[in-house]
Amino acid sequence: MSTTLEPSRLSPSDQGALRSLVDALHGSNTATITVGQRPLSLPTLALGLVTELVEHLAAGRSVTVLSGEEEISPREAAELLGVSRPFASRLFDEGQIPSRRVGTHRRAFVKDVLAYRERQHAARRAALDELAAEGQRLKLGY
C-alpha cells in the first residue's frame, strides 16, 4: 500500500515543527521516540528514512512511501524514473524491468523498477569515470 503525504495539508504550526525536527535530526545518528510512556531507540536505518521524509516535507515537497513488493503500472514507473510512459512501457515489454500482465495491463514490482534505476545510475557513473580517465590520459586539463 502506498501513502502520499502532501505538505500543502500541513498547518503553519506543523510546518514549523517539521523545520525544528529537521534541525534536531541533522548530524544525529541516534534518536529515541516515546510511544505512550515507553521510550524506544530508533534503529539507524529507520532514523535515516525519517530524516529524509521530514526534510522533504519541511521543504514543501510531497512524499510517497511505497513498499518494494507493491506493483505499479508503466505510468507510475515512468514517474518514479523520470521518463515518459511509452518509454517505461517499452522497458516492461523488453524485459529490462521484469513485469507481468494483468488482463491487458502491465504491472511491475517497485523493487524491480528501483533496481533498474540503480543499474542506470551505476552505468552513468561508470561512463563518467571513463570519460574523466580519458580526459586525464589525454591531458585535456579537466
C-alpha atoms as a PDB file:
ATOM      1  CA  MET A   1       0.000   0.000   0.000  1.00  0.00           C
ATOM      2  CA  SER A   2       1.348   3.437  -0.873  1.00  0.00           C
ATOM      3  CA  THR A   3       0.879   6.533   1.215  1.00  0.00           C
ATOM      4  CA  THR A   4       1.323  10.065  -0.120  1.00  0.00           C
ATOM      5  CA  LEU A   5       1.975  12.942   2.243  1.00  0.00           C
ATOM      6  CA  GLU A   6       1.149  16.379   0.874  1.00  0.00           C
ATOM      7  CA  PRO A   7       2.875  19.307   2.607  1.00  0.00           C
ATOM      8  CA  SER A   8       0.045  21.610   1.494  1.00  0.00           C
ATOM      9  CA  ARG A   9      -2.181  19.873   4.049  1.00  0.00           C
ATOM     10  CA  LEU A  10       0.113  20.828   6.930  1.00  0.00           C
ATOM     11  CA  SER A  11      -0.796  23.714   9.184  1.00  0.00           C
ATOM     12  CA  PRO A  12       1.762  26.500   9.707  1.00  0.00           C
ATOM     13  CA  SER A  13       2.483  25.152  13.200  1.00  0.00           C
ATOM     14  CA  ASP A  14       3.066  21.651  11.749  1.00  0.00           C
ATOM     15  CA  GLN A  15       5.459  23.102   9.162  1.00  0.00           C
ATOM     16  CA  GLY A  16       7.352  24.919  11.923  1.00  0.00           C
ATOM     17  CA  ALA A  17       7.550  21.702  13.927  1.00  0.00           C
ATOM     18  CA  LEU A  18       8.965  19.897  10.886  1.00  0.00           C
ATOM     19  CA  ARG A  19      11.650  22.554  10.418  1.00  0.00           C
ATOM     20  CA  SER A  20      12.611  22.207  14.101  1.00  0.00           C
ATOM     21  CA  LEU A  21      12.707  18.443  13.716  1.00  0.00           C
ATOM     22  CA  VAL A  22      14.987  18.728  10.662  1.00  0.00           C
ATOM     23  CA  ASP A  23      17.378  20.893  12.706  1.00  0.00           C
ATOM     24  CA  ALA A  24      17.374  18.348  15.532  1.00  0.00           C
ATOM     25  CA  LEU A  25      17.886  15.366  13.208  1.00  0.00           C
ATOM     26  CA  HIS A  26      20.749  16.845  11.153  1.00  0.00           C
ATOM     27  CA  GLY A  27      24.014  15.224  12.077  1.00  0.00           C
ATOM     28  CA  SER A  28      22.383  12.931  14.615  1.00  0.00           C
ATOM     29  CA  ASN A  29      22.984   9.201  14.418  1.00  0.00           C
ATOM     30  CA  THR A  30      20.721   8.221  17.313  1.00  0.00           C
ATOM     31  CA  ALA A  31      17.155   9.078  18.259  1.00  0.00           C
ATOM     32  CA  THR A  32      14.663   7.963  20.856  1.00  0.00           C
ATOM     33  CA  ILE A  33      10.916   8.234  20.426  1.00  0.00           C
ATOM     34  CA  THR A  34       8.357   7.893  23.165  1.00  0.00           C
ATOM     35  CA  VAL A  35       5.240   5.849  22.464  1.00  0.00           C
ATOM     36  CA  GLY A  36       2.827   6.358  25.337  1.00  0.00           C
ATOM     37  CA  GLN A  37       5.152   6.189  28.333  1.00  0.00           C
ATOM     38  CA  ARG A  38       7.658   3.859  26.659  1.00  0.00           C
ATOM     39  CA  PRO A  39      10.917   5.280  25.203  1.00  0.00           C
ATOM     40  CA  LEU A  40      12.206   3.366  22.175  1.00  0.00           C
ATOM     41  CA  SER A  41      15.507   3.715  20.285  1.00  0.00           C
ATOM     42  CA  LEU A  42      15.070   4.300  16.577  1.00  0.00           C
ATOM     43  CA  PRO A  43      17.283   1.955  14.512  1.00  0.00           C
ATOM     44  CA  THR A  44      19.851   3.731  12.322  1.00  0.00           C
ATOM     45  CA  LEU A  45      18.142   2.739   9.058  1.00  0.00           C
ATOM     46  CA  ALA A  46      14.763   3.985  10.310  1.00  0.00           C
ATOM     47  CA  LEU A  47      16.374   7.220  11.516  1.00  0.00           C
ATOM     48  CA  GLY A  48      17.761   7.830   8.036  1.00  0.00           C
ATOM     49  CA  LEU A  49      14.359   7.260   6.455  1.00  0.00           C
ATOM     50  CA  VAL A  50      12.586   9.502   8.983  1.00  0.00           C
ATOM     51  CA  THR A  51      15.188  12.233   8.462  1.00  0.00           C
ATOM     52  CA  GLU A  52      14.789  12.114   4.682  1.00  0.00           C
ATOM     53  CA  LEU A  53      10.993  12.119   4.946  1.00  0.00           C
ATOM     54  CA  VAL A  54      10.955  15.102   7.306  1.00  0.00           C
ATOM     55  CA  GLU A  55      13.470  17.042   5.165  1.00  0.00           C
ATOM     56  CA  HIS A  56      11.301  16.656   2.056  1.00  0.00           C
ATOM     57  CA  LEU A  57       8.112  17.643   3.853  1.00  0.00           C
ATOM     58  CA  ALA A  58       9.792  20.640   5.519  1.00  0.00           C
ATOM     59  CA  ALA A  59      10.988  21.768   2.075  1.00  0.00           C
ATOM     60  CA  GLY A  60       7.390  21.657   0.817  1.00  0.00           C
ATOM     61  CA  ARG A  61       7.742  18.557  -1.348  1.00  0.00           C
ATOM     62  CA  SER A  62       5.230  15.708  -1.472  1.00  0.00           C
ATOM     63  CA  VAL A  63       6.436  12.321  -0.282  1.00  0.00           C
ATOM     64  CA  THR A  64       5.125   8.916  -1.327  1.00  0.00           C
ATOM     65  CA  VAL A  65       6.061   5.825   0.638  1.00  0.00           C
ATOM     66  CA  LEU A  66       5.937   2.614  -1.395  1.00  0.00           C
ATOM     67  CA  SER A  67       6.576  -0.989  -0.460  1.00  0.00           C
ATOM     68  CA  GLY A  68       9.084  -2.828  -2.670  1.00  0.00           C
ATOM     69  CA  GLU A  69       6.510  -5.603  -3.031  1.00  0.00           C
ATOM     70  CA  GLU A  70       3.867  -3.225  -4.374  1.00  0.00           C
ATOM     71  CA  GLU A  71       3.028  -3.472  -8.063  1.00  0.00           C
ATOM     72  CA  ILE A  72       2.880  -0.357 -10.197  1.00  0.00           C
ATOM     73  CA  SER A  73       1.811   0.497 -13.735  1.00  0.00           C
ATOM     74  CA  PRO A  74       4.061   1.830 -16.515  1.00  0.00           C
ATOM     75  CA  ARG A  75       2.710   5.337 -15.789  1.00  0.00           C
ATOM     76  CA  GLU A  76       3.728   5.103 -12.128  1.00  0.00           C
ATOM     77  CA  ALA A  77       7.088   3.578 -13.090  1.00  0.00           C
ATOM     78  CA  ALA A  78       7.631   6.450 -15.520  1.00  0.00           C
ATOM     79  CA  GLU A  79       7.007   8.965 -12.727  1.00  0.00           C
ATOM     80  CA  LEU A  80       9.435   7.137 -10.457  1.00  0.00           C
ATOM     81  CA  LEU A  81      12.117   7.009 -13.172  1.00  0.00           C
ATOM     82  CA  GLY A  82      11.512  10.480 -14.611  1.00  0.00           C
ATOM     83  CA  VAL A  83      10.832   9.131 -18.105  1.00  0.00           C
ATOM     84  CA  SER A  84       7.833   9.055 -20.430  1.00  0.00           C
ATOM     85  CA  ARG A  85       5.092   6.449 -20.057  1.00  0.00           C
ATOM     86  CA  PRO A  86       5.771   4.952 -23.518  1.00  0.00           C
ATOM     87  CA  PHE A  87       9.458   4.554 -22.611  1.00  0.00           C
ATOM     88  CA  ALA A  88       8.568   2.822 -19.324  1.00  0.00           C
ATOM     89  CA  SER A  89       6.123   0.567 -21.197  1.00  0.00           C
ATOM     90  CA  ARG A  90       8.908  -0.376 -23.599  1.00  0.00           C
ATOM     91  CA  LEU A  91      11.185  -1.223 -20.636  1.00  0.00           C
ATOM     92  CA  PHE A  92       8.451  -3.541 -19.356  1.00  0.00           C
ATOM     93  CA  ASP A  93       7.899  -5.130 -22.789  1.00  0.00           C
ATOM     94  CA  GLU A  94      11.631  -5.628 -23.471  1.00  0.00           C
ATOM     95  CA  GLY A  95      12.138  -7.256 -20.071  1.00  0.00           C
ATOM     96  CA  GLN A  96      14.578  -4.620 -18.816  1.00  0.00           C
ATOM     97  CA  ILE A  97      12.148  -4.255 -15.930  1.00  0.00           C
ATOM     98  CA  PRO A  98      10.535  -7.598 -15.064  1.00  0.00           C
ATOM     99  CA  SER A  99       6.768  -7.294 -15.312  1.00  0.00           C
ATOM    100  CA  ARG A 100       3.599  -9.281 -15.773  1.00  0.00           C
ATOM    101  CA  ARG A 101       0.291  -8.748 -17.481  1.00  0.00           C
ATOM    102  CA  VAL A 102      -2.957  -8.499 -15.551  1.00  0.00           C
ATOM    103  CA  GLY A 103      -5.530  -8.705 -18.305  1.00  0.00           C
ATOM    104  CA  THR A 104      -4.419  -6.008 -20.736  1.00  0.00           C
ATOM    105  CA  HIS A 105      -2.474  -4.078 -18.089  1.00  0.00           C
ATOM    106  CA  ARG A 106       1.209  -4.407 -17.245  1.00  0.00           C
ATOM    107  CA  ARG A 107       2.490  -4.401 -13.666  1.00  0.00           C
ATOM    108  CA  ALA A 108       5.991  -4.433 -12.157  1.00  0.00           C
ATOM    109  CA  PHE A 109       7.217  -4.544  -8.596  1.00  0.00           C
ATOM    110  CA  VAL A 110       8.539  -1.268  -7.187  1.00  0.00           C
ATOM    111  CA  LYS A 111      11.750  -3.079  -6.152  1.00  0.00           C
ATOM    112  CA  ASP A 112      12.365  -4.086  -9.803  1.00  0.00           C
ATOM    113  CA  VAL A 113      11.822  -0.524 -11.035  1.00  0.00           C
ATOM    114  CA  LEU A 114      14.213   0.783  -8.370  1.00  0.00           C
ATOM    115  CA  ALA A 115      16.777  -1.910  -9.272  1.00  0.00           C
ATOM    116  CA  TYR A 116      16.593  -0.765 -12.920  1.00  0.00           C
ATOM    117  CA  ARG A 117      17.081   2.857 -11.802  1.00  0.00           C
ATOM    118  CA  GLU A 118      20.135   1.876  -9.741  1.00  0.00           C
ATOM    119  CA  ARG A 119      21.630  -0.067 -12.688  1.00  0.00           C
ATOM    120  CA  GLN A 120      21.169   3.010 -14.878  1.00  0.00           C
ATOM    121  CA  HIS A 121      22.798   5.267 -12.287  1.00  0.00           C
ATOM    122  CA  ALA A 122      25.735   2.857 -11.962  1.00  0.00           C
ATOM    123  CA  ALA A 123      26.164   2.736 -15.755  1.00  0.00           C
ATOM    124  CA  ARG A 124      26.131   6.550 -15.932  1.00  0.00           C
ATOM    125  CA  ARG A 125      28.697   6.808 -13.129  1.00  0.00           C
ATOM    126  CA  ALA A 126      30.947   4.271 -14.874  1.00  0.00           C
ATOM    127  CA  ALA A 127      30.689   6.182 -18.178  1.00  0.00           C
ATOM    128  CA  LEU A 128      31.551   9.472 -16.452  1.00  0.00           C
ATOM    129  CA  ASP A 129      34.506   7.862 -14.683  1.00  0.00           C
ATOM    130  CA  GLU A 130      35.703   6.504 -18.032  1.00  0.00           C
ATOM    131  CA  LEU A 131      35.379   9.938 -19.669  1.00  0.00           C
ATOM    132  CA  ALA A 132      37.249  11.587 -16.792  1.00  0.00           C
ATOM    133  CA  ALA A 133      40.049   8.996 -17.027  1.00  0.00           C
ATOM    134  CA  GLU A 134      40.259   9.547 -20.796  1.00  0.00           C
ATOM    135  CA  GLY A 135      40.454  13.314 -20.250  1.00  0.00           C
ATOM    136  CA  GLN A 136      43.294  12.788 -17.753  1.00  0.00           C
ATOM    137  CA  ARG A 137      45.083  10.421 -20.108  1.00  0.00           C
ATOM    138  CA  LEU A 138      44.859  12.948 -22.951  1.00  0.00           C
ATOM    139  CA  LYS A 139      45.868  15.786 -20.568  1.00  0.00           C
ATOM    140  CA  LEU A 140      42.856  17.885 -21.517  1.00  0.00           C
ATOM    141  CA  GLY A 141      43.118  19.887 -18.314  1.00  0.00           C
ATOM    142  CA  TYR A 142      39.892  18.748 -16.679  1.00  0.00           C
END
